[in-house]
N, C-alpha and C. Protein backbone atom coordinates (compact mmCIF):
# COMPACT_ATOMS: atom_id res chain seq x y z
N MET A 1 -109.22 -56.07 195.78
CA MET A 1 -108.88 -56.77 195.07
C MET A 1 -110.13 -58.08 195.64
N PHE A 2 -110.58 -58.59 194.34
CA PHE A 2 -111.58 -59.59 194.70
C PHE A 2 -111.32 -60.86 195.85
N LYS A 3 -111.84 -61.32 196.43
CA LYS A 3 -111.17 -62.39 196.75
C LYS A 3 -112.85 -63.55 197.37
N ARG A 4 -112.84 -64.60 197.73
CA ARG A 4 -113.83 -65.51 198.14
C ARG A 4 -114.05 -65.45 199.62
N LYS A 5 -115.21 -65.11 199.90
CA LYS A 5 -115.53 -65.18 201.07
C LYS A 5 -117.05 -65.73 201.46
N ILE A 6 -117.28 -66.48 202.59
CA ILE A 6 -118.31 -67.16 202.87
C ILE A 6 -119.28 -66.33 203.72
N PHE A 7 -120.40 -66.11 203.13
CA PHE A 7 -121.66 -65.14 203.63
C PHE A 7 -122.39 -66.40 203.96
N TRP A 8 -123.05 -65.89 205.41
CA TRP A 8 -123.80 -66.81 206.20
C TRP A 8 -125.39 -66.63 206.25
N GLN A 9 -126.27 -67.41 206.28
CA GLN A 9 -127.40 -67.07 205.91
C GLN A 9 -128.11 -67.58 207.29
N LEU A 10 -128.73 -66.90 208.15
CA LEU A 10 -129.79 -67.40 209.10
C LEU A 10 -131.10 -67.92 208.71
N ILE A 11 -130.89 -69.34 209.01
CA ILE A 11 -132.04 -70.31 208.70
C ILE A 11 -132.98 -70.35 209.66
N PHE A 12 -132.40 -71.07 211.03
CA PHE A 12 -133.52 -71.12 211.97
C PHE A 12 -132.87 -70.20 213.43
N SER A 13 -133.76 -69.23 214.05
CA SER A 13 -133.72 -68.86 215.12
C SER A 13 -133.65 -69.61 216.26
N THR A 14 -133.96 -70.74 216.16
CA THR A 14 -134.06 -71.70 217.43
C THR A 14 -134.10 -72.90 217.38
N SER A 15 -133.80 -74.06 218.09
CA SER A 15 -133.79 -75.81 217.77
C SER A 15 -135.20 -75.91 217.57
N ASP A 16 -136.12 -75.26 217.98
CA ASP A 16 -137.86 -75.55 218.20
C ASP A 16 -137.85 -75.28 216.56
N GLU A 17 -137.53 -74.06 215.92
CA GLU A 17 -138.06 -73.45 214.98
C GLU A 17 -137.70 -74.56 213.63
N MET A 18 -136.02 -75.07 213.79
CA MET A 18 -135.78 -76.18 213.09
C MET A 18 -136.56 -77.37 213.22
N GLU A 19 -136.99 -77.82 214.26
CA GLU A 19 -137.60 -78.75 214.47
C GLU A 19 -139.23 -78.79 213.84
N LEU A 20 -139.83 -77.94 213.95
CA LEU A 20 -140.91 -77.40 213.40
C LEU A 20 -140.94 -77.57 211.75
N PHE A 21 -139.53 -76.83 211.07
CA PHE A 21 -139.69 -76.89 209.70
C PHE A 21 -139.72 -78.45 209.46
N PHE A 22 -138.85 -79.48 210.28
CA PHE A 22 -138.89 -80.42 209.72
C PHE A 22 -139.75 -81.53 210.57
N ALA A 23 -141.17 -80.93 210.84
CA ALA A 23 -141.95 -81.84 211.57
C ALA A 23 -142.14 -83.02 211.46
N HIS A 24 -142.48 -83.29 209.92
CA HIS A 24 -142.64 -84.64 209.20
C HIS A 24 -141.54 -85.24 208.05
N HIS A 25 -140.57 -84.64 208.04
CA HIS A 25 -139.86 -84.92 206.97
C HIS A 25 -138.33 -84.84 207.39
N THR A 26 -137.52 -85.49 206.66
CA THR A 26 -135.85 -85.29 207.21
C THR A 26 -135.18 -84.74 206.17
N SER A 27 -135.87 -84.36 204.92
CA SER A 27 -135.28 -83.43 204.04
C SER A 27 -136.46 -82.49 203.57
N LYS A 28 -136.25 -81.12 203.34
CA LYS A 28 -136.87 -80.34 202.77
C LYS A 28 -135.98 -78.76 202.08
N VAL A 29 -136.69 -78.31 200.98
CA VAL A 29 -136.05 -77.16 200.43
C VAL A 29 -136.22 -76.14 201.07
N TYR A 30 -135.39 -74.99 201.33
CA TYR A 30 -135.39 -74.14 201.75
C TYR A 30 -134.96 -72.90 200.97
N LYS A 31 -135.62 -71.73 200.76
CA LYS A 31 -135.30 -70.70 199.46
C LYS A 31 -134.65 -69.47 200.58
N GLY A 32 -133.71 -68.87 200.44
CA GLY A 32 -133.16 -67.46 201.19
C GLY A 32 -132.71 -66.98 199.87
N VAL A 33 -132.18 -65.73 200.93
CA VAL A 33 -131.36 -64.76 199.78
C VAL A 33 -129.85 -65.37 199.30
N LEU A 34 -129.51 -66.42 199.95
CA LEU A 34 -128.28 -66.71 199.00
C LEU A 34 -128.73 -68.09 198.04
N GLY A 35 -130.27 -68.12 197.95
CA GLY A 35 -130.25 -69.42 196.98
C GLY A 35 -131.25 -70.12 197.67
N GLU A 36 -131.31 -71.67 196.95
CA GLU A 36 -132.35 -72.40 197.25
C GLU A 36 -131.40 -73.55 197.93
N PHE A 37 -131.31 -74.30 199.09
CA PHE A 37 -130.53 -75.00 199.91
C PHE A 37 -131.87 -76.23 200.01
N LEU A 38 -130.87 -77.18 199.55
CA LEU A 38 -131.84 -78.68 200.53
C LEU A 38 -130.81 -78.96 201.76
N LEU A 39 -132.30 -78.89 202.67
CA LEU A 39 -131.48 -79.05 204.10
C LEU A 39 -132.21 -80.44 204.25
N VAL A 40 -130.92 -81.41 205.16
CA VAL A 40 -131.47 -82.44 205.29
C VAL A 40 -130.99 -82.54 207.06
N LYS A 41 -131.97 -83.20 207.97
CA LYS A 41 -131.67 -82.99 209.32
C LYS A 41 -131.43 -84.84 209.68
N LYS A 42 -130.33 -84.86 210.07
CA LYS A 42 -129.66 -85.92 210.44
C LYS A 42 -129.78 -86.13 212.16
N GLU A 43 -130.26 -86.69 212.77
CA GLU A 43 -130.56 -86.47 214.24
C GLU A 43 -130.39 -85.23 214.61
N LYS A 44 -129.16 -84.46 215.57
CA LYS A 44 -129.55 -83.01 215.82
C LYS A 44 -128.48 -82.42 214.61
N THR A 45 -128.22 -82.81 213.44
CA THR A 45 -127.20 -81.79 212.80
C THR A 45 -127.97 -81.97 211.34
N LEU A 46 -127.78 -80.64 211.05
CA LEU A 46 -128.25 -80.12 209.95
C LEU A 46 -127.31 -79.91 208.99
N HIS A 47 -127.70 -80.38 207.69
CA HIS A 47 -126.72 -80.84 206.30
C HIS A 47 -127.38 -79.67 205.32
N ALA A 48 -126.62 -78.97 204.45
CA ALA A 48 -126.92 -78.25 203.55
C ALA A 48 -126.34 -78.57 202.05
N PHE A 49 -127.39 -78.56 201.28
CA PHE A 49 -126.71 -78.97 199.89
C PHE A 49 -127.25 -77.77 198.59
N LYS A 50 -126.70 -78.00 197.65
CA LYS A 50 -127.13 -77.23 196.49
C LYS A 50 -128.39 -77.93 195.82
N ASN A 51 -129.78 -77.34 195.83
CA ASN A 51 -130.74 -77.94 195.52
C ASN A 51 -131.09 -78.52 194.00
N ARG A 52 -129.61 -79.22 193.81
CA ARG A 52 -129.56 -79.83 192.19
C ARG A 52 -128.77 -81.04 192.27
N CYS A 53 -129.36 -82.16 191.49
CA CYS A 53 -128.59 -83.18 191.15
C CYS A 53 -127.73 -82.94 190.24
N PRO A 54 -126.29 -83.44 190.50
CA PRO A 54 -125.42 -83.45 189.39
C PRO A 54 -125.29 -83.82 188.13
N HIS A 55 -126.14 -85.16 187.95
CA HIS A 55 -126.75 -86.18 187.00
C HIS A 55 -127.19 -85.46 186.00
N GLN A 56 -128.39 -84.87 186.47
CA GLN A 56 -129.10 -84.27 185.28
C GLN A 56 -129.52 -82.69 185.48
N ASN A 57 -128.76 -82.32 186.34
CA ASN A 57 -129.40 -80.78 187.16
C ASN A 57 -130.92 -80.52 187.57
N LYS A 58 -131.43 -81.67 187.92
CA LYS A 58 -132.76 -82.02 188.20
C LYS A 58 -132.56 -81.71 189.82
N PRO A 59 -134.20 -80.81 190.26
CA PRO A 59 -133.86 -80.34 191.77
C PRO A 59 -134.41 -81.61 192.57
N LEU A 60 -133.48 -81.67 193.82
CA LEU A 60 -133.81 -82.62 194.83
C LEU A 60 -135.02 -82.54 195.60
N ASN A 61 -136.04 -81.83 195.51
CA ASN A 61 -136.97 -81.81 195.76
C ASN A 61 -137.95 -82.89 195.95
N GLY A 62 -138.59 -83.61 197.48
CA GLY A 62 -138.75 -84.86 197.37
C GLY A 62 -138.07 -86.15 197.35
N CYS A 63 -136.81 -85.74 197.54
CA CYS A 63 -135.81 -86.98 197.68
C CYS A 63 -136.32 -87.55 198.96
N SER A 64 -135.46 -88.78 198.73
CA SER A 64 -135.58 -89.51 200.34
C SER A 64 -134.05 -89.78 200.62
N ILE A 65 -134.45 -90.05 202.08
CA ILE A 65 -133.12 -90.30 202.70
C ILE A 65 -133.04 -91.95 203.40
N LYS A 66 -132.20 -92.44 203.19
CA LYS A 66 -132.08 -94.03 203.60
C LYS A 66 -130.60 -94.07 204.47
N ASP A 67 -130.75 -94.17 205.59
CA ASP A 67 -129.40 -94.33 206.50
C ASP A 67 -128.84 -93.06 206.18
N GLU A 68 -127.59 -93.05 205.60
CA GLU A 68 -126.52 -91.80 205.51
C GLU A 68 -126.71 -91.19 204.00
N VAL A 69 -127.65 -91.41 203.60
CA VAL A 69 -127.76 -91.40 201.91
C VAL A 69 -128.94 -90.68 201.25
N ILE A 70 -128.87 -89.89 200.53
CA ILE A 70 -129.69 -88.86 199.70
C ILE A 70 -130.08 -89.63 198.70
N ILE A 71 -131.36 -89.65 198.27
CA ILE A 71 -131.65 -90.42 196.53
C ILE A 71 -132.75 -89.60 196.17
N CYS A 72 -131.90 -89.34 194.91
CA CYS A 72 -132.27 -88.69 193.82
C CYS A 72 -133.97 -88.96 193.31
N PRO A 73 -135.06 -88.07 193.76
CA PRO A 73 -136.11 -88.56 192.85
C PRO A 73 -136.74 -88.98 191.81
N PHE A 74 -135.46 -88.39 190.81
CA PHE A 74 -135.73 -89.00 189.35
C PHE A 74 -135.20 -90.04 188.72
N HIS A 75 -133.96 -90.16 189.26
CA HIS A 75 -133.19 -91.40 188.51
C HIS A 75 -132.46 -92.50 189.85
N LYS A 76 -132.98 -92.06 191.19
CA LYS A 76 -132.42 -92.80 192.24
C LYS A 76 -130.73 -92.65 192.26
N TYR A 77 -130.17 -91.75 191.97
CA TYR A 77 -129.08 -91.46 192.17
C TYR A 77 -128.79 -91.60 193.68
N GLN A 78 -127.51 -91.97 194.28
CA GLN A 78 -127.44 -91.87 195.80
C GLN A 78 -126.45 -91.37 196.29
N TYR A 79 -126.45 -90.26 197.14
CA TYR A 79 -125.15 -89.33 197.36
C TYR A 79 -124.82 -89.39 199.07
N SER A 80 -123.53 -89.30 199.62
CA SER A 80 -123.61 -89.45 201.08
C SER A 80 -123.75 -88.03 201.52
N ILE A 81 -124.59 -88.32 202.71
CA ILE A 81 -125.02 -86.95 203.52
C ILE A 81 -123.64 -86.27 203.91
N ARG A 82 -122.96 -87.13 204.75
CA ARG A 82 -121.52 -86.67 205.28
C ARG A 82 -120.43 -86.12 204.14
N ASP A 83 -120.61 -86.05 202.98
CA ASP A 83 -119.51 -85.13 202.12
C ASP A 83 -120.23 -85.05 200.49
N GLY A 84 -121.74 -85.53 200.29
CA GLY A 84 -122.22 -85.39 198.82
C GLY A 84 -121.90 -85.93 197.97
N LYS A 85 -120.60 -87.29 197.78
CA LYS A 85 -120.07 -87.77 197.13
C LYS A 85 -120.99 -89.02 196.66
N GLY A 86 -121.19 -89.43 195.54
CA GLY A 86 -121.70 -90.58 194.59
C GLY A 86 -121.70 -90.50 193.30
N HIS A 87 -121.75 -92.23 192.92
CA HIS A 87 -121.94 -92.20 191.33
C HIS A 87 -120.95 -91.35 190.75
N GLY A 88 -119.73 -91.31 191.32
CA GLY A 88 -118.60 -90.53 190.48
C GLY A 88 -118.75 -89.11 190.32
N MET A 89 -119.79 -88.59 191.12
CA MET A 89 -120.46 -87.10 191.07
C MET A 89 -120.41 -86.81 192.56
N CYS A 90 -120.72 -85.79 192.64
CA CYS A 90 -120.38 -84.69 194.14
C CYS A 90 -121.80 -83.80 193.97
N LEU A 91 -122.49 -83.84 195.02
CA LEU A 91 -123.33 -82.76 195.30
C LEU A 91 -122.34 -81.71 196.23
N GLU A 92 -123.01 -80.54 195.60
CA GLU A 92 -122.51 -79.42 196.17
C GLU A 92 -123.09 -79.18 197.48
N LYS A 93 -122.22 -79.60 198.58
CA LYS A 93 -122.34 -79.44 199.91
C LYS A 93 -122.09 -77.97 200.74
N TYR A 94 -122.85 -77.17 201.44
CA TYR A 94 -122.35 -75.84 202.37
C TYR A 94 -122.00 -76.18 203.41
N PRO A 95 -120.99 -75.35 204.49
CA PRO A 95 -121.21 -75.56 205.23
C PRO A 95 -121.98 -74.71 206.37
N THR A 96 -122.47 -75.42 207.15
CA THR A 96 -123.20 -75.05 208.47
C THR A 96 -122.55 -74.71 209.77
N LYS A 97 -123.37 -74.24 210.47
CA LYS A 97 -122.81 -73.83 211.91
C LYS A 97 -124.06 -73.52 212.88
N ILE A 98 -123.82 -73.23 214.11
CA ILE A 98 -124.70 -73.22 214.85
C ILE A 98 -124.08 -71.98 216.00
N GLU A 99 -124.52 -70.94 216.77
CA GLU A 99 -124.27 -70.34 217.41
C GLU A 99 -125.22 -69.69 218.00
N GLU A 100 -124.99 -69.72 219.50
CA GLU A 100 -125.99 -69.08 220.33
C GLU A 100 -127.60 -69.49 219.90
N ASP A 101 -127.37 -71.15 219.77
CA ASP A 101 -128.75 -71.99 219.30
C ASP A 101 -129.39 -71.42 217.98
N LYS A 102 -128.53 -70.67 217.16
CA LYS A 102 -129.25 -70.17 215.73
C LYS A 102 -128.46 -71.14 214.78
N PHE A 103 -129.09 -71.53 213.77
CA PHE A 103 -128.44 -72.73 212.93
C PHE A 103 -128.33 -71.58 211.34
N TYR A 104 -127.21 -71.69 210.71
CA TYR A 104 -126.57 -70.89 209.66
C TYR A 104 -126.24 -72.26 208.47
N VAL A 105 -126.16 -71.38 207.40
CA VAL A 105 -126.00 -72.13 205.91
C VAL A 105 -124.87 -70.95 205.40
N GLY A 106 -123.85 -71.54 205.03
CA GLY A 106 -122.91 -70.58 204.60
C GLY A 106 -122.40 -70.82 202.97
N LYS A 107 -122.54 -69.82 202.08
CA LYS A 107 -122.26 -69.93 200.80
C LYS A 107 -121.02 -68.89 200.19
N GLU A 108 -120.11 -69.58 199.66
CA GLU A 108 -118.91 -68.82 199.25
C GLU A 108 -119.14 -68.14 198.14
N LYS A 109 -118.73 -66.71 197.96
CA LYS A 109 -119.13 -65.88 197.11
C LYS A 109 -118.01 -64.70 196.69
N TRP A 110 -117.97 -64.43 195.94
CA TRP A 110 -116.79 -63.27 195.62
C TRP A 110 -117.24 -61.93 196.19
N SER A 111 -116.11 -61.66 196.94
CA SER A 111 -116.40 -59.93 197.63
C SER A 111 -115.72 -58.99 197.50
N LEU A 112 -115.39 -57.74 197.65
CA LEU A 112 -114.39 -56.93 197.50
C LEU A 112 -113.81 -56.48 198.39
N PHE A 113 -114.82 -56.95 199.72
CA PHE A 113 -114.04 -56.54 200.96
C PHE A 113 -113.61 -57.92 201.87
């Protein structure tokens, strides 16, 4: 029977690799086997979102981060880094985890197993 399951994608193998990826940015787009993620680094915490603004489905590449807010580069809609909520809409946020200094992003998908 089909059921929902979280599939985890390795994003960074070490914290140094993550620091290098975000060298001069607080947000960047990452393309992987589970899709395209907007990654936001706030201090030592990694946040992951679907790379689409729910307002008009535009990509969030080039968004700005101010305090605890993601600001869409097209229409300046603002969303909370904590939960993705803003303007009566919500960015799709993905779970993240750290295991043995490796950083993962999870995406829920249908599975047979």
